[in-house]
Amino acid sequence: MDAVEKERAILERLERIDGLREEDAPAGVLLDEVRALLADAEDWVAEARVPARTAEAIERAREVLAAGESVLVAPRS
């Protein structure tokens, strides 16, 4: 898959996530799509020439997702 196709796939996934939000999809379904989006974006960054700040934004998104997941699965006291 070339860079343009990867970019298109990322945009399509964003649209799918937006549609799921509008449908009030369960959080788990949205998280699965966000995880897949980040994986797609990381692949795109690895193969395409993207600005450093784009790569940094993707890494920050990965960190935020990981932090949020730990909050979601943390036992309640």
C-alpha atoms as a PDB file:
ATOM      1  CA  MET A   1       0.000   0.000   0.000  1.00  0.00           C
ATOM      2  CA  ASP A   2       1.500   3.356  -0.936  1.00  0.00           C
ATOM      3  CA  ALA A   3       1.467   6.526   1.174  1.00  0.00           C
ATOM      4  CA  VAL A   4      -1.613   7.974  -0.516  1.00  0.00           C
ATOM      5  CA  GLU A   5      -3.592   4.773   0.054  1.00  0.00           C
ATOM      6  CA  LYS A   6      -2.508   4.741   3.702  1.00  0.00           C
ATOM      7  CA  GLU A   7      -3.590   8.353   4.098  1.00  0.00           C
ATOM      8  CA  ARG A   8      -6.943   7.507   2.534  1.00  0.00           C
ATOM      9  CA  ALA A   9      -7.351   4.520   4.875  1.00  0.00           C
ATOM     10  CA  ILE A  10      -6.627   6.756   7.869  1.00  0.00           C
ATOM     11  CA  LEU A  11      -9.230   9.275   6.735  1.00  0.00           C
ATOM     12  CA  GLU A  12     -11.779   6.499   6.189  1.00  0.00           C
ATOM     13  CA  ARG A  13     -11.120   5.151   9.676  1.00  0.00           C
ATOM     14  CA  LEU A  14     -11.601   8.650  11.120  1.00  0.00           C
ATOM     15  CA  GLU A  15     -14.945   8.869   9.334  1.00  0.00           C
ATOM     16  CA  ARG A  16     -15.900   5.436  10.682  1.00  0.00           C
ATOM     17  CA  ILE A  17     -15.006   6.557  14.227  1.00  0.00           C
ATOM     18  CA  ASP A  18     -17.067   9.710  13.772  1.00  0.00           C
ATOM     19  CA  GLY A  19     -20.019   7.612  12.588  1.00  0.00           C
ATOM     20  CA  LEU A  20     -19.687   5.286  15.565  1.00  0.00           C
ATOM     21  CA  ARG A  21     -19.676   8.292  17.920  1.00  0.00           C
ATOM     22  CA  GLU A  22     -22.839   9.610  16.299  1.00  0.00           C
ATOM     23  CA  GLU A  23     -24.450   6.169  16.758  1.00  0.00           C
ATOM     24  CA  ASP A  24     -23.443   6.113  20.455  1.00  0.00           C
ATOM     25  CA  ALA A  25     -21.441   2.956  19.893  1.00  0.00           C
ATOM     26  CA  PRO A  26     -20.074   1.232  23.009  1.00  0.00           C
ATOM     27  CA  ALA A  27     -16.776   2.578  24.329  1.00  0.00           C
ATOM     28  CA  GLY A  28     -15.015  -0.719  23.597  1.00  0.00           C
ATOM     29  CA  VAL A  29     -15.930  -0.508  19.924  1.00  0.00           C
ATOM     30  CA  LEU A  30     -14.629   3.062  19.729  1.00  0.00           C
ATOM     31  CA  LEU A  31     -11.419   2.129  21.540  1.00  0.00           C
ATOM     32  CA  ASP A  32     -10.810  -0.725  19.109  1.00  0.00           C
ATOM     33  CA  GLU A  33     -11.166   1.692  16.203  1.00  0.00           C
ATOM     34  CA  VAL A  34      -8.872   4.248  17.856  1.00  0.00           C
ATOM     35  CA  ARG A  35      -6.251   1.540  18.455  1.00  0.00           C
ATOM     36  CA  ALA A  36      -6.480   0.522  14.809  1.00  0.00           C
ATOM     37  CA  LEU A  37      -6.269   4.175  13.742  1.00  0.00           C
ATOM     38  CA  LEU A  38      -3.088   4.650  15.754  1.00  0.00           C
ATOM     39  CA  ALA A  39      -1.577   1.494  14.281  1.00  0.00           C
ATOM     40  CA  ASP A  40      -2.416   2.737  10.775  1.00  0.00           C
ATOM     41  CA  ALA A  41      -0.940   6.141  11.572  1.00  0.00           C
ATOM     42  CA  GLU A  42       2.245   4.610  12.967  1.00  0.00           C
ATOM     43  CA  ASP A  43       2.663   2.528   9.809  1.00  0.00           C
ATOM     44  CA  TRP A  44       2.111   5.625   7.696  1.00  0.00           C
ATOM     45  CA  VAL A  45       4.691   7.621   9.681  1.00  0.00           C
ATOM     46  CA  ALA A  46       7.217   4.801   9.385  1.00  0.00           C
ATOM     47  CA  GLU A  47       6.929   4.673   5.602  1.00  0.00           C
ATOM     48  CA  ALA A  48       6.115   8.226   4.564  1.00  0.00           C
ATOM     49  CA  ARG A  49       7.939  11.452   4.990  1.00  0.00           C
ATOM     50  CA  VAL A  50       5.836  13.283   7.515  1.00  0.00           C
ATOM     51  CA  PRO A  51       6.631  16.331   9.608  1.00  0.00           C
ATOM     52  CA  ALA A  52       8.241  15.531  12.945  1.00  0.00           C
ATOM     53  CA  ARG A  53       5.330  17.143  14.762  1.00  0.00           C
ATOM     54  CA  THR A  54       2.940  14.684  13.086  1.00  0.00           C
ATOM     55  CA  ALA A  55       4.961  11.772  14.398  1.00  0.00           C
ATOM     56  CA  GLU A  56       5.086  13.423  17.826  1.00  0.00           C
ATOM     57  CA  ALA A  57       1.312  13.910  17.834  1.00  0.00           C
ATOM     58  CA  ILE A  58       0.785  10.242  17.032  1.00  0.00           C
ATOM     59  CA  GLU A  59       3.115   9.244  19.862  1.00  0.00           C
ATOM     60  CA  ARG A  60       1.264  11.553  22.286  1.00  0.00           C
ATOM     61  CA  ALA A  61      -2.033  10.010  21.180  1.00  0.00           C
ATOM     62  CA  ARG A  62      -0.623   6.534  21.852  1.00  0.00           C
ATOM     63  CA  GLU A  63       0.469   7.636  25.348  1.00  0.00           C
ATOM     64  CA  VAL A  64      -2.917   9.209  26.124  1.00  0.00           C
ATOM     65  CA  LEU A  65      -4.733   6.097  24.947  1.00  0.00           C
ATOM     66  CA  ALA A  66      -2.496   3.885  27.086  1.00  0.00           C
ATOM     67  CA  ALA A  67      -3.025   6.124  30.121  1.00  0.00           C
ATOM     68  CA  GLY A  68      -6.768   6.151  29.563  1.00  0.00           C
ATOM     69  CA  GLU A  69      -6.878   2.387  29.235  1.00  0.00           C
ATOM     70  CA  SER A  70      -5.080   1.964  32.541  1.00  0.00           C
ATOM     71  CA  VAL A  71      -7.692   4.197  34.166  1.00  0.00           C
ATOM     72  CA  LEU A  72     -10.492   2.162  32.577  1.00  0.00           C
ATOM     73  CA  VAL A  73      -9.142  -1.149  33.826  1.00  0.00           C
ATOM     74  CA  ALA A  74      -7.875   0.025  37.209  1.00  0.00           C
ATOM     75  CA  PRO A  75      -9.689  -1.625  40.102  1.00  0.00           C
ATOM     76  CA  ARG A  76     -12.016   0.596  42.045  1.00  0.00           C
ATOM     77  CA  SER A  77     -11.171   1.228  45.651  1.00  0.00           C
END
